Structure formats: structure tokens, C-alpha cells
Amino acid sequence: MALTTAKTTLAGQIQRLRTEQTQLDGPTKRIEDLTKRTQGAVAAGKQALDAANAIAQLENEQVVRRTTIERLDTNIEKLLSEYVSKD
């Protein structure tokens, strides 16, 4: 029973890790796009404070997702080592 629970927990953690990794791509791509557009606006002599704020928020989201990914990696490694030690 404990082994089944461990496998289910491990599978859930792996799925969540994959989801977080996929969701990390979104802010990364939006930052790249906003950065290019902001540079173009600045080059044209326009203010880009709104874009800079948006980029900062996306960067904060990236930090949160990367932290979550690191925590999930640690949990998965721990679960795997427990699982292997039970075999």
C-alpha cells in the first residue's frame, strides 16, 4: 500500500514539474517580446515605463516558477531515493 502511495505521489510530482516547466516558457517568451518592443520604443524616443513594469512582473513570475521547479526536483529526488531504497 505504501509503495502504491509513493508511486502515485511521485507521478503527481513529475506531472506538476512538467507543467511548471511548460508554464515557465510563457513568461520567458513574453519577456523577450516585450524587451524587443521596449527597445524599439526607446529608440523612437518614447517612454517605456509600462513595458518595463510588465517585464519586471514577468521576471518575478519566472523566479517563482523556477523556485517551484527546484523544490519539485528536490521532492522527486527524495521520493525516488526512498522508492529505490525500498526495493
Foldseek 3Di string as FASTA:
>chain_A
DVLVVLVVVLVVLVVVLVVLVVVLVVLVVVLVVLVVVCVVCVVVVHDDPVSVVVNVVSVVVNVVSVVSNVVSVVVNVVSVVVSVVVD
